[in-house]
């Protein structure tokens, strides 16, 4: 196994997105701890962003569903009122079954 130079290690860490200061690292254990911490932070931020996107989608769906519900209730009230108006205005409107006997 070949040894990596410090500049090669820095390039590799930049490539994987790790935020590690190699000037403060003296052992491989310290490097592993810093890489684990960076990895956990990365996973945490990715999870948080994904969760926020999912919640925003649910929020948008809820807002549109409530608007459709209100519109449906208004249409139901309008339909009930128009039915009542036709029922009072015309005696034969809803009495077809009664009159045919």
PDB file of N, CA and C in Angstrom:
ATOM      1  N   UNK A   1       0.856  -1.180   0.000  1.00  0.00           N
ATOM      2  CA  UNK A   1       0.000   0.000   0.000  1.00  0.00           C
ATOM      3  C   UNK A   1       0.892   1.231   0.000  1.00  0.00           C
ATOM      4  N   UNK A   2       0.627   2.149  -0.876  1.00  0.00           N
ATOM      5  CA  UNK A   2       1.465   3.340  -0.986  1.00  0.00           C
ATOM      6  C   UNK A   2       0.960   4.438  -0.056  1.00  0.00           C
ATOM      7  N   UNK A   3       1.860   5.292   0.352  1.00  0.00           N
ATOM      8  CA  UNK A   3       1.527   6.412   1.226  1.00  0.00           C
ATOM      9  C   UNK A   3       1.021   7.577   0.373  1.00  0.00           C
ATOM     10  N   UNK A   4       0.045   8.282   0.895  1.00  0.00           N
ATOM     11  CA  UNK A   4      -0.464   9.467   0.225  1.00  0.00           C
ATOM     12  C   UNK A   4       0.225  10.696   0.794  1.00  0.00           C
ATOM     13  N   UNK A   5       0.510  11.630  -0.079  1.00  0.00           N
ATOM     14  CA  UNK A   5       1.082  12.881   0.411  1.00  0.00           C
ATOM     15  C   UNK A   5      -0.037  13.729   1.016  1.00  0.00           C
ATOM     16  N   UNK A   6       0.369  14.744   1.739  1.00  0.00           N
ATOM     17  CA  UNK A   6      -0.624  15.606   2.394  1.00  0.00           C
ATOM     18  C   UNK A   6      -1.472  16.341   1.363  1.00  0.00           C
ATOM     19  N   UNK A   7      -0.881  16.770   0.278  1.00  0.00           N
ATOM     20  CA  UNK A   7      -1.661  17.470  -0.748  1.00  0.00           C
ATOM     21  C   UNK A   7      -2.640  16.524  -1.434  1.00  0.00           C
ATOM     22  N   UNK A   8      -2.216  15.275  -1.654  1.00  0.00           N
ATOM     23  CA  UNK A   8      -3.140  14.307  -2.242  1.00  0.00           C
ATOM     24  C   UNK A   8      -4.306  14.036  -1.296  1.00  0.00           C
ATOM     25  N   UNK A   9      -3.995  13.958   0.004  1.00  0.00           N
ATOM     26  CA  UNK A   9      -5.047  13.737   0.995  1.00  0.00           C
ATOM     27  C   UNK A   9      -5.996  14.926   1.032  1.00  0.00           C
ATOM     28  N   UNK A  10      -5.467  16.146   0.966  1.00  0.00           N
ATOM     29  CA  UNK A  10      -6.315  17.339   0.954  1.00  0.00           C
ATOM     30  C   UNK A  10      -7.218  17.356  -0.273  1.00  0.00           C
ATOM     31  N   UNK A  11      -6.677  16.991  -1.422  1.00  0.00           N
ATOM     32  CA  UNK A  11      -7.476  16.942  -2.648  1.00  0.00           C
ATOM     33  C   UNK A  11      -8.600  15.912  -2.529  1.00  0.00           C
ATOM     34  N   UNK A  12      -8.258  14.761  -1.943  1.00  0.00           N
ATOM     35  CA  UNK A  12      -9.261  13.724  -1.762  1.00  0.00           C
ATOM     36  C   UNK A  12     -10.369  14.181  -0.809  1.00  0.00           C
ATOM     37  N   UNK A  13      -9.988  14.828   0.284  1.00  0.00           N
ATOM     38  CA  UNK A  13     -10.980  15.294   1.255  1.00  0.00           C
ATOM     39  C   UNK A  13     -11.875  16.374   0.658  1.00  0.00           C
ATOM     40  N   UNK A  14     -11.316  17.235  -0.158  1.00  0.00           N
ATOM     41  CA  UNK A  14     -12.122  18.259  -0.835  1.00  0.00           C
ATOM     42  C   UNK A  14     -13.080  17.591  -1.820  1.00  0.00           C
ATOM     43  N   UNK A  15     -12.584  16.560  -2.508  1.00  0.00           N
ATOM     44  CA  UNK A  15     -13.414  15.858  -3.492  1.00  0.00           C
ATOM     45  C   UNK A  15     -14.627  15.199  -2.845  1.00  0.00           C
ATOM     46  N   UNK A  16     -14.458  14.609  -1.669  1.00  0.00           N
ATOM     47  CA  UNK A  16     -15.591  13.953  -1.010  1.00  0.00           C
ATOM     48  C   UNK A  16     -16.410  14.918  -0.172  1.00  0.00           C
ATOM     49  N   UNK A  17     -15.978  16.165  -0.081  1.00  0.00           N
ATOM     50  CA  UNK A  17     -16.753  17.179   0.620  1.00  0.00           C
ATOM     51  C   UNK A  17     -16.545  17.186   2.112  1.00  0.00           C
ATOM     52  N   UNK A  18     -15.444  16.622   2.588  1.00  0.00           N
ATOM     53  CA  UNK A  18     -15.178  16.598   4.026  1.00  0.00           C
ATOM     54  C   UNK A  18     -14.546  17.915   4.453  1.00  0.00           C
ATOM     55  N   UNK A  19     -14.972  18.401   5.587  1.00  0.00           N
ATOM     56  CA  UNK A  19     -14.446  19.654   6.138  1.00  0.00           C
ATOM     57  C   UNK A  19     -13.448  19.316   7.241  1.00  0.00           C
ATOM     58  N   UNK A  20     -12.243  18.947   6.844  1.00  0.00           N
ATOM     59  CA  UNK A  20     -11.216  18.493   7.786  1.00  0.00           C
ATOM     60  C   UNK A  20      -9.983  19.370   7.618  1.00  0.00           C
ATOM     61  N   UNK A  21      -9.464  19.856   8.737  1.00  0.00           N
ATOM     62  CA  UNK A  21      -8.225  20.635   8.735  1.00  0.00           C
ATOM     63  C   UNK A  21      -7.068  19.682   9.023  1.00  0.00           C
ATOM     64  N   UNK A  22      -6.283  19.375   7.997  1.00  0.00           N
ATOM     65  CA  UNK A  22      -5.207  18.397   8.161  1.00  0.00           C
ATOM     66  C   UNK A  22      -4.067  18.913   9.025  1.00  0.00           C
ATOM     67  N   UNK A  23      -3.974  20.216   9.206  1.00  0.00           N
ATOM     68  CA  UNK A  23      -2.896  20.734  10.049  1.00  0.00           C
ATOM     69  C   UNK A  23      -3.124  20.378  11.518  1.00  0.00           C
ATOM     70  N   UNK A  24      -4.356  20.106  11.905  1.00  0.00           N
ATOM     71  CA  UNK A  24      -4.668  19.753  13.291  1.00  0.00           C
ATOM     72  C   UNK A  24      -4.729  18.244  13.513  1.00  0.00           C
ATOM     73  N   UNK A  25      -4.618  17.465  12.442  1.00  0.00           N
ATOM     74  CA  UNK A  25      -4.703  16.011  12.552  1.00  0.00           C
ATOM     75  C   UNK A  25      -3.305  15.435  12.647  1.00  0.00           C
ATOM     76  N   UNK A  26      -3.066  14.642  13.698  1.00  0.00           N
ATOM     77  CA  UNK A  26      -1.745  14.020  13.865  1.00  0.00           C
ATOM     78  C   UNK A  26      -1.812  12.506  13.752  1.00  0.00           C
ATOM     79  N   UNK A  27      -2.954  11.920  14.032  1.00  0.00           N
ATOM     80  CA  UNK A  27      -3.079  10.468  13.937  1.00  0.00           C
ATOM     81  C   UNK A  27      -4.245  10.110  13.036  1.00  0.00           C
ATOM     82  N   UNK A  28      -4.255   8.856  12.620  1.00  0.00           N
ATOM     83  CA  UNK A  28      -5.350   8.396  11.757  1.00  0.00           C
ATOM     84  C   UNK A  28      -6.659   8.304  12.533  1.00  0.00           C
ATOM     85  N   UNK A  29      -6.555   8.092  13.862  1.00  0.00           N
ATOM     86  CA  UNK A  29      -7.775   8.041  14.667  1.00  0.00           C
ATOM     87  C   UNK A  29      -8.464   9.404  14.697  1.00  0.00           C
ATOM     88  N   UNK A  30      -7.668  10.473  14.820  1.00  0.00           N
ATOM     89  CA  UNK A  30      -8.241  11.820  14.807  1.00  0.00           C
ATOM     90  C   UNK A  30      -8.882  12.117  13.458  1.00  0.00           C
ATOM     91  N   UNK A  31      -8.213  11.686  12.399  1.00  0.00           N
ATOM     92  CA  UNK A  31      -8.776  11.876  11.062  1.00  0.00           C
ATOM     93  C   UNK A  31     -10.086  11.118  10.920  1.00  0.00           C
ATOM     94  N   UNK A  32     -10.144   9.879  11.416  1.00  0.00           N
ATOM     95  CA  UNK A  32     -11.369   9.084  11.339  1.00  0.00           C
ATOM     96  C   UNK A  32     -12.487   9.748  12.131  1.00  0.00           C
ATOM     97  N   UNK A  33     -12.202  10.296  13.313  1.00  0.00           N
ATOM     98  CA  UNK A  33     -13.225  10.973  14.109  1.00  0.00           C
ATOM     99  C   UNK A  33     -13.767  12.194  13.380  1.00  0.00           C
ATOM    100  N   UNK A  34     -12.879  12.975  12.788  1.00  0.00           N
ATOM    101  CA  UNK A  34     -13.342  14.164  12.066  1.00  0.00           C
ATOM    102  C   UNK A  34     -14.147  13.780  10.832  1.00  0.00           C
ATOM    103  N   UNK A  35     -13.735  12.718  10.144  1.00  0.00           N
ATOM    104  CA  UNK A  35     -14.497  12.278   8.973  1.00  0.00           C
ATOM    105  C   UNK A  35     -15.869  11.757   9.388  1.00  0.00           C
ATOM    106  N   UNK A  36     -15.960  11.025  10.496  1.00  0.00           N
ATOM    107  CA  UNK A  36     -17.254  10.550  10.976  1.00  0.00           C
ATOM    108  C   UNK A  36     -18.170  11.712  11.320  1.00  0.00           C
ATOM    109  N   UNK A  37     -17.621  12.725  11.989  1.00  0.00           N
ATOM    110  CA  UNK A  37     -18.413  13.893  12.348  1.00  0.00           C
ATOM    111  C   UNK A  37     -18.914  14.604  11.100  1.00  0.00           C
ATOM    112  N   UNK A  38     -18.052  14.758  10.115  1.00  0.00           N
ATOM    113  CA  UNK A  38     -18.453  15.401   8.866  1.00  0.00           C
ATOM    114  C   UNK A  38     -19.528  14.587   8.163  1.00  0.00           C
ATOM    115  N   UNK A  39     -19.378  13.277   8.173  1.00  0.00           N
ATOM    116  CA  UNK A  39     -20.342  12.404   7.523  1.00  0.00           C
ATOM    117  C   UNK A  39     -21.708  12.497   8.209  1.00  0.00           C
ATOM    118  N   UNK A  40     -21.707  12.516   9.533  1.00  0.00           N
ATOM    119  CA  UNK A  40     -22.968  12.617  10.268  1.00  0.00           C
ATOM    120  C   UNK A  40     -23.636  13.958   9.998  1.00  0.00           C
ATOM    121  N   UNK A  41     -22.850  15.036   9.972  1.00  0.00           N
ATOM    122  CA  UNK A  41     -23.418  16.349   9.663  1.00  0.00           C
ATOM    123  C   UNK A  41     -24.018  16.369   8.259  1.00  0.00           C
ATOM    124  N   UNK A  42     -23.322  15.743   7.324  1.00  0.00           N
ATOM    125  CA  UNK A  42     -23.817  15.704   5.947  1.00  0.00           C
ATOM    126  C   UNK A  42     -25.132  14.929   5.874  1.00  0.00           C
ATOM    127  N   UNK A  43     -25.172  13.776   6.540  1.00  0.00           N
ATOM    128  CA  UNK A  43     -26.390  12.966   6.543  1.00  0.00           C
ATOM    129  C   UNK A  43     -27.531  13.729   7.206  1.00  0.00           C
ATOM    130  N   UNK A  44     -27.236  14.420   8.297  1.00  0.00           N
ATOM    131  CA  UNK A  44     -28.254  15.190   9.006  1.00  0.00           C
ATOM    132  C   UNK A  44     -28.825  16.290   8.113  1.00  0.00           C
ATOM    133  N   UNK A  45     -27.972  17.019   7.419  1.00  0.00           N
ATOM    134  CA  UNK A  45     -28.472  18.097   6.553  1.00  0.00           C
ATOM    135  C   UNK A  45     -29.263  17.538   5.373  1.00  0.00           C
ATOM    136  N   UNK A  46     -28.789  16.426   4.806  1.00  0.00           N
ATOM    137  CA  UNK A  46     -29.532  15.827   3.688  1.00  0.00           C
ATOM    138  C   UNK A  46     -30.905  15.338   4.148  1.00  0.00           C
ATOM    139  N   UNK A  47     -30.953  14.704   5.319  1.00  0.00           N
ATOM    140  CA  UNK A  47     -32.233  14.235   5.850  1.00  0.00           C
ATOM    141  C   UNK A  47     -33.163  15.408   6.134  1.00  0.00           C
ATOM    142  N   UNK A  48     -32.619  16.463   6.697  1.00  0.00           N
ATOM    143  CA  UNK A  48     -33.431  17.639   7.018  1.00  0.00           C
ATOM    144  C   UNK A  48     -34.015  18.259   5.750  1.00  0.00           C
ATOM    145  N   UNK A  49     -33.204  18.397   4.709  1.00  0.00           N
ATOM    146  CA  UNK A  49     -33.684  18.976   3.459  1.00  0.00           C
ATOM    147  C   UNK A  49     -34.756  18.096   2.818  1.00  0.00           C
ATOM    148  N   UNK A  50     -34.543  16.788   2.836  1.00  0.00           N
ATOM    149  CA  UNK A  50     -35.527  15.867   2.262  1.00  0.00           C
ATOM    150  C   UNK A  50     -36.839  15.904   3.039  1.00  0.00           C
ATOM    151  N   UNK A  51     -36.736  15.945   4.359  1.00  0.00           N
ATOM    152  CA  UNK A  51     -37.926  16.000   5.202  1.00  0.00           C
ATOM    153  C   UNK A  51     -38.691  17.300   4.988  1.00  0.00           C
ATOM    154  N   UNK A  52     -37.972  18.417   4.838  1.00  0.00           N
ATOM    155  CA  UNK A  52     -38.634  19.703   4.589  1.00  0.00           C
ATOM    156  C   UNK A  52     -39.347  19.700   3.244  1.00  0.00           C
ATOM    157  N   UNK A  53     -38.742  19.089   2.228  1.00  0.00           N
ATOM    158  CA  UNK A  53     -39.398  19.000   0.926  1.00  0.00           C
ATOM    159  C   UNK A  53     -40.681  18.180   1.017  1.00  0.00           C
ATOM    160  N   UNK A  54     -40.625  17.080   1.753  1.00  0.00           N
ATOM    161  CA  UNK A  54     -41.818  16.239   1.910  1.00  0.00           C
ATOM    162  C   UNK A  54     -42.915  16.995   2.665  1.00  0.00           C
ATOM    163  N   UNK A  55     -42.539  17.705   3.706  1.00  0.00           N
ATOM    164  CA  UNK A  55     -43.539  18.470   4.455  1.00  0.00           C
ATOM    165  C   UNK A  55     -44.130  19.598   3.614  1.00  0.00           C
ATOM    166  N   UNK A  56     -43.319  20.233   2.792  1.00  0.00           N
ATOM    167  CA  UNK A  56     -43.841  21.278   1.912  1.00  0.00           C
ATOM    168  C   UNK A  56     -44.838  20.699   0.912  1.00  0.00           C
ATOM    169  N   UNK A  57     -44.570  19.500   0.421  1.00  0.00           N
ATOM    170  CA  UNK A  57     -45.497  18.851  -0.504  1.00  0.00           C
ATOM    171  C   UNK A  57     -46.820  18.551   0.192  1.00  0.00           C
ATOM    172  N   UNK A  58     -46.751  18.046   1.412  1.00  0.00           N
ATOM    173  CA  UNK A  58     -47.968  17.765   2.177  1.00  0.00           C
ATOM    174  C   UNK A  58     -48.725  19.064   2.457  1.00  0.00           C
ATOM    175  N   UNK A  59     -47.998  20.125   2.769  1.00  0.00           N
ATOM    176  CA  UNK A  59     -48.633  21.415   3.038  1.00  0.00           C
ATOM    177  C   UNK A  59     -49.366  21.938   1.805  1.00  0.00           C
ATOM    178  N   UNK A  60     -48.738  21.866   0.657  1.00  0.00           N
ATOM    179  CA  UNK A  60     -49.370  22.325  -0.583  1.00  0.00           C
ATOM    180  C   UNK A  60     -50.619  21.492  -0.879  1.00  0.00           C
ATOM    181  N   UNK A  61     -50.520  20.179  -0.701  1.00  0.00           N
ATOM    182  CA  UNK A  61     -51.672  19.305  -0.913  1.00  0.00           C
ATOM    183  C   UNK A  61     -52.803  19.663   0.046  1.00  0.00           C
ATOM    184  N   UNK A  62     -52.478  19.929   1.292  1.00  0.00           N
ATOM    185  CA  UNK A  62     -53.506  20.274   2.288  1.00  0.00           C
ATOM    186  C   UNK A  62     -54.188  21.590   1.956  1.00  0.00           C
ATOM    187  N   UNK A  63     -53.424  22.565   1.511  1.00  0.00           N
ATOM    188  CA  UNK A  63     -54.009  23.862   1.172  1.00  0.00           C
ATOM    189  C   UNK A  63     -54.985  23.715   0.006  1.00  0.00           C
ATOM    190  N   UNK A  64     -54.587  22.988  -1.028  1.00  0.00           N
ATOM    191  CA  UNK A  64     -55.471  22.825  -2.183  1.00  0.00           C
ATOM    192  C   UNK A  64     -56.682  21.976  -1.844  1.00  0.00           C
ATOM    193  N   UNK A  65     -56.503  20.975  -0.999  1.00  0.00           N
ATOM    194  CA  UNK A  65     -57.633  20.150  -0.588  1.00  0.00           C
ATOM    195  C   UNK A  65     -58.658  20.970   0.185  1.00  0.00           C
ATOM    196  N   UNK A  66     -58.185  21.838   1.062  1.00  0.00           N
ATOM    197  CA  UNK A  66     -59.134  22.668   1.816  1.00  0.00           C
ATOM    198  C   UNK A  66     -59.866  23.641   0.898  1.00  0.00           C
ATOM    199  N   UNK A  67     -59.181  24.182  -0.101  1.00  0.00           N
ATOM    200  CA  UNK A  67     -59.857  25.077  -1.049  1.00  0.00           C
ATOM    201  C   UNK A  67     -60.929  24.343  -1.840  1.00  0.00           C
ATOM    202  N   UNK A  68     -60.617  23.131  -2.269  1.00  0.00           N
ATOM    203  CA  UNK A  68     -61.596  22.332  -3.016  1.00  0.00           C
ATOM    204  C   UNK A  68     -62.771  21.971  -2.119  1.00  0.00           C
ATOM    205  N   UNK A  69     -62.515  21.678  -0.852  1.00  0.00           N
ATOM    206  CA  UNK A  69     -63.592  21.367   0.085  1.00  0.00           C
ATOM    207  C   UNK A  69     -64.534  22.554   0.253  1.00  0.00           C
ATOM    208  N   UNK A  70     -63.979  23.750   0.425  1.00  0.00           N
ATOM    209  CA  UNK A  70     -64.822  24.940   0.562  1.00  0.00           C
ATOM    210  C   UNK A  70     -65.640  25.186  -0.700  1.00  0.00           C
ATOM    211  N   UNK A  71     -65.030  25.019  -1.847  1.00  0.00           N
ATOM    212  CA  UNK A  71     -65.746  25.201  -3.108  1.00  0.00           C
ATOM    213  C   UNK A  71     -66.869  24.178  -3.242  1.00  0.00           C
ATOM    214  N   UNK A  72     -66.615  22.943  -2.846  1.00  0.00           N
ATOM    215  CA  UNK A  72     -67.634  21.902  -2.906  1.00  0.00           C
ATOM    216  C   UNK A  72     -68.812  22.227  -1.992  1.00  0.00           C
ATOM    217  N   UNK A  73     -68.533  22.709  -0.798  1.00  0.00           N
ATOM    218  CA  UNK A  73     -69.606  23.078   0.129  1.00  0.00           C
ATOM    219  C   UNK A  73     -70.448  24.218  -0.449  1.00  0.00           C
ATOM    220  N   UNK A  74     -69.790  25.215  -1.042  1.00  0.00           N
ATOM    221  CA  UNK A  74     -70.542  26.319  -1.657  1.00  0.00           C
ATOM    222  C   UNK A  74     -71.417  25.836  -2.812  1.00  0.00           C
ATOM    223  N   UNK A  75     -70.891  24.926  -3.636  1.00  0.00           N
ATOM    224  CA  UNK A  75     -71.691  24.383  -4.739  1.00  0.00           C
ATOM    225  C   UNK A  75     -72.867  23.555  -4.222  1.00  0.00           C
ATOM    226  N   UNK A  76     -72.659  22.838  -3.140  1.00  0.00           N
ATOM    227  CA  UNK A  76     -73.746  22.071  -2.539  1.00  0.00           C
ATOM    228  C   UNK A  76     -74.847  22.989  -2.008  1.00  0.00           C
ATOM    229  N   UNK A  77     -74.473  24.081  -1.375  1.00  0.00           N
ATOM    230  CA  UNK A  77     -75.456  25.048  -0.880  1.00  0.00           C
ATOM    231  C   UNK A  77     -76.214  25.669  -2.046  1.00  0.00           C
ATOM    232  N   UNK A  78     -75.508  26.016  -3.115  1.00  0.00           N
ATOM    233  CA  UNK A  78     -76.158  26.591  -4.296  1.00  0.00           C
ATOM    234  C   UNK A  78     -77.149  25.595  -4.908  1.00  0.00           C
ATOM    235  N   UNK A  79     -76.736  24.331  -5.020  1.00  0.00           N
ATOM    236  CA  UNK A  79     -77.608  23.315  -5.602  1.00  0.00           C
ATOM    237  C   UNK A  79     -78.847  23.081  -4.731  1.00  0.00           C
ATOM    238  N   UNK A  80     -78.657  23.055  -3.427  1.00  0.00           N
ATOM    239  CA  UNK A  80     -79.800  22.878  -2.516  1.00  0.00           C
ATOM    240  C   UNK A  80     -80.764  24.059  -2.604  1.00  0.00           C
ATOM    241  N   UNK A  81     -80.231  25.261  -2.712  1.00  0.00           N
ATOM    242  CA  UNK A  81     -81.087  26.448  -2.819  1.00  0.00           C
ATOM    243  C   UNK A  81     -81.854  26.453  -4.140  1.00  0.00           C
ATOM    244  N   UNK A  82     -81.194  26.092  -5.231  1.00  0.00           N
ATOM    245  CA  UNK A  82     -81.887  26.081  -6.522  1.00  0.00           C
ATOM    246  C   UNK A  82     -82.957  24.985  -6.546  1.00  0.00           C
ATOM    247  N   UNK A  83     -82.677  23.847  -5.929  1.00  0.00           N
ATOM    248  CA  UNK A  83     -83.686  22.780  -5.841  1.00  0.00           C
ATOM    249  C   UNK A  83     -84.890  23.253  -5.030  1.00  0.00           C
ATOM    250  N   UNK A  84     -84.639  23.904  -3.917  1.00  0.00           N
ATOM    251  CA  UNK A  84     -85.726  24.402  -3.077  1.00  0.00           C
ATOM    252  C   UNK A  84     -86.549  25.448  -3.819  1.00  0.00           C
ATOM    253  N   UNK A  85     -85.890  26.324  -4.563  1.00  0.00           N
ATOM    254  CA  UNK A  85     -86.609  27.350  -5.320  1.00  0.00           C
ATOM    255  C   UNK A  85     -87.487  26.718  -6.396  1.00  0.00           C
ATOM    256  N   UNK A  86     -86.977  25.698  -7.095  1.00  0.00           N
ATOM    257  CA  UNK A  86     -87.787  25.021  -8.115  1.00  0.00           C
ATOM    258  C   UNK A  86     -88.933  24.242  -7.483  1.00  0.00           C
ATOM    259  N   UNK A  87     -88.701  23.688  -6.326  1.00  0.00           N
ATOM    260  CA  UNK A  87     -89.752  22.924  -5.644  1.00  0.00           C
ATOM    261  C   UNK A  87     -90.913  23.831  -5.235  1.00  0.00           C
ATOM    262  N   UNK A  88     -90.578  25.020  -4.735  1.00  0.00           N
ATOM    263  CA  UNK A  88     -91.649  25.957  -4.336  1.00  0.00           C
ATOM    264  C   UNK A  88     -92.327  26.608  -5.547  1.00  0.00           C
ATOM    265  N   UNK A  89     -91.613  26.774  -6.639  1.00  0.00           N
ATOM    266  CA  UNK A  89     -92.161  27.481  -7.797  1.00  0.00           C
ATOM    267  C   UNK A  89     -93.065  26.596  -8.658  1.00  0.00           C
ATOM    268  N   UNK A  90     -92.824  25.294  -8.676  1.00  0.00           N
ATOM    269  CA  UNK A  90     -93.557  24.417  -9.585  1.00  0.00           C
ATOM    270  C   UNK A  90     -94.091  23.226  -8.794  1.00  0.00           C
ATOM    271  N   UNK A  91     -95.395  23.065  -8.806  1.00  0.00           N
ATOM    272  CA  UNK A  91     -95.988  21.958  -8.051  1.00  0.00           C
ATOM    273  C   UNK A  91     -95.670  20.595  -8.665  1.00  0.00           C
ATOM    274  N   UNK A  92     -95.460  20.560  -9.955  1.00  0.00           N
ATOM    275  CA  UNK A  92     -95.180  19.275 -10.605  1.00  0.00           C
ATOM    276  C   UNK A  92     -93.697  18.910 -10.580  1.00  0.00           C
ATOM    277  N   UNK A  93     -92.848  19.771 -10.057  1.00  0.00           N
ATOM    278  CA  UNK A  93     -91.398  19.541 -10.111  1.00  0.00           C
ATOM    279  C   UNK A  93     -90.994  18.258  -9.390  1.00  0.00           C
ATOM    280  N   UNK A  94     -91.451  18.068  -8.166  1.00  0.00           N
ATOM    281  CA  UNK A  94     -91.002  16.922  -7.381  1.00  0.00           C
ATOM    282  C   UNK A  94     -92.152  15.981  -7.053  1.00  0.00           C
ATOM    283  N   UNK A  95     -93.325  16.216  -7.663  1.00  0.00           N
ATOM    284  CA  UNK A  95     -94.488  15.409  -7.323  1.00  0.00           C
ATOM    285  C   UNK A  95     -94.900  14.467  -8.447  1.00  0.00           C
ATOM    286  N   UNK A  96     -93.999  14.102  -9.296  1.00  0.00           N
ATOM    287  CA  UNK A  96     -94.346  13.209 -10.409  1.00  0.00           C
ATOM    288  C   UNK A  96     -94.817  11.865  -9.912  1.00  0.00           C
ATOM    289  N   UNK A  97     -94.183  11.307  -8.935  1.00  0.00           N
ATOM    290  CA  UNK A  97     -94.577   9.995  -8.425  1.00  0.00           C
ATOM    291  C   UNK A  97     -95.924  10.069  -7.700  1.00  0.00           C
ATOM    292  N   UNK A  98     -96.198  11.176  -7.051  1.00  0.00           N
ATOM    293  CA  UNK A  98     -97.463  11.329  -6.314  1.00  0.00           C
ATOM    294  C   UNK A  98     -98.621  11.527  -7.288  1.00  0.00           C
ATOM    295  N   UNK A  99     -98.389  12.320  -8.343  1.00  0.00           N
ATOM    296  CA  UNK A  99     -99.478  12.631  -9.296  1.00  0.00           C
ATOM    297  C   UNK A  99     -99.837  11.447 -10.189  1.00  0.00           C
ATOM    298  N   UNK A 100     -98.901  10.547 -10.426  1.00  0.00           N
ATOM    299  CA  UNK A 100     -99.173   9.425 -11.334  1.00  0.00           C
ATOM    300  C   UNK A 100    -100.088   8.371 -10.711  1.00  0.00           C
ATOM    301  N   UNK A 101    -100.354   8.407  -9.437  1.00  0.00           N
ATOM    302  CA  UNK A 101    -101.195   7.396  -8.799  1.00  0.00           C
ATOM    303  C   UNK A 101    -102.639   7.633  -9.055  1.00  0.00           C
TER     304      UNK A 101
END
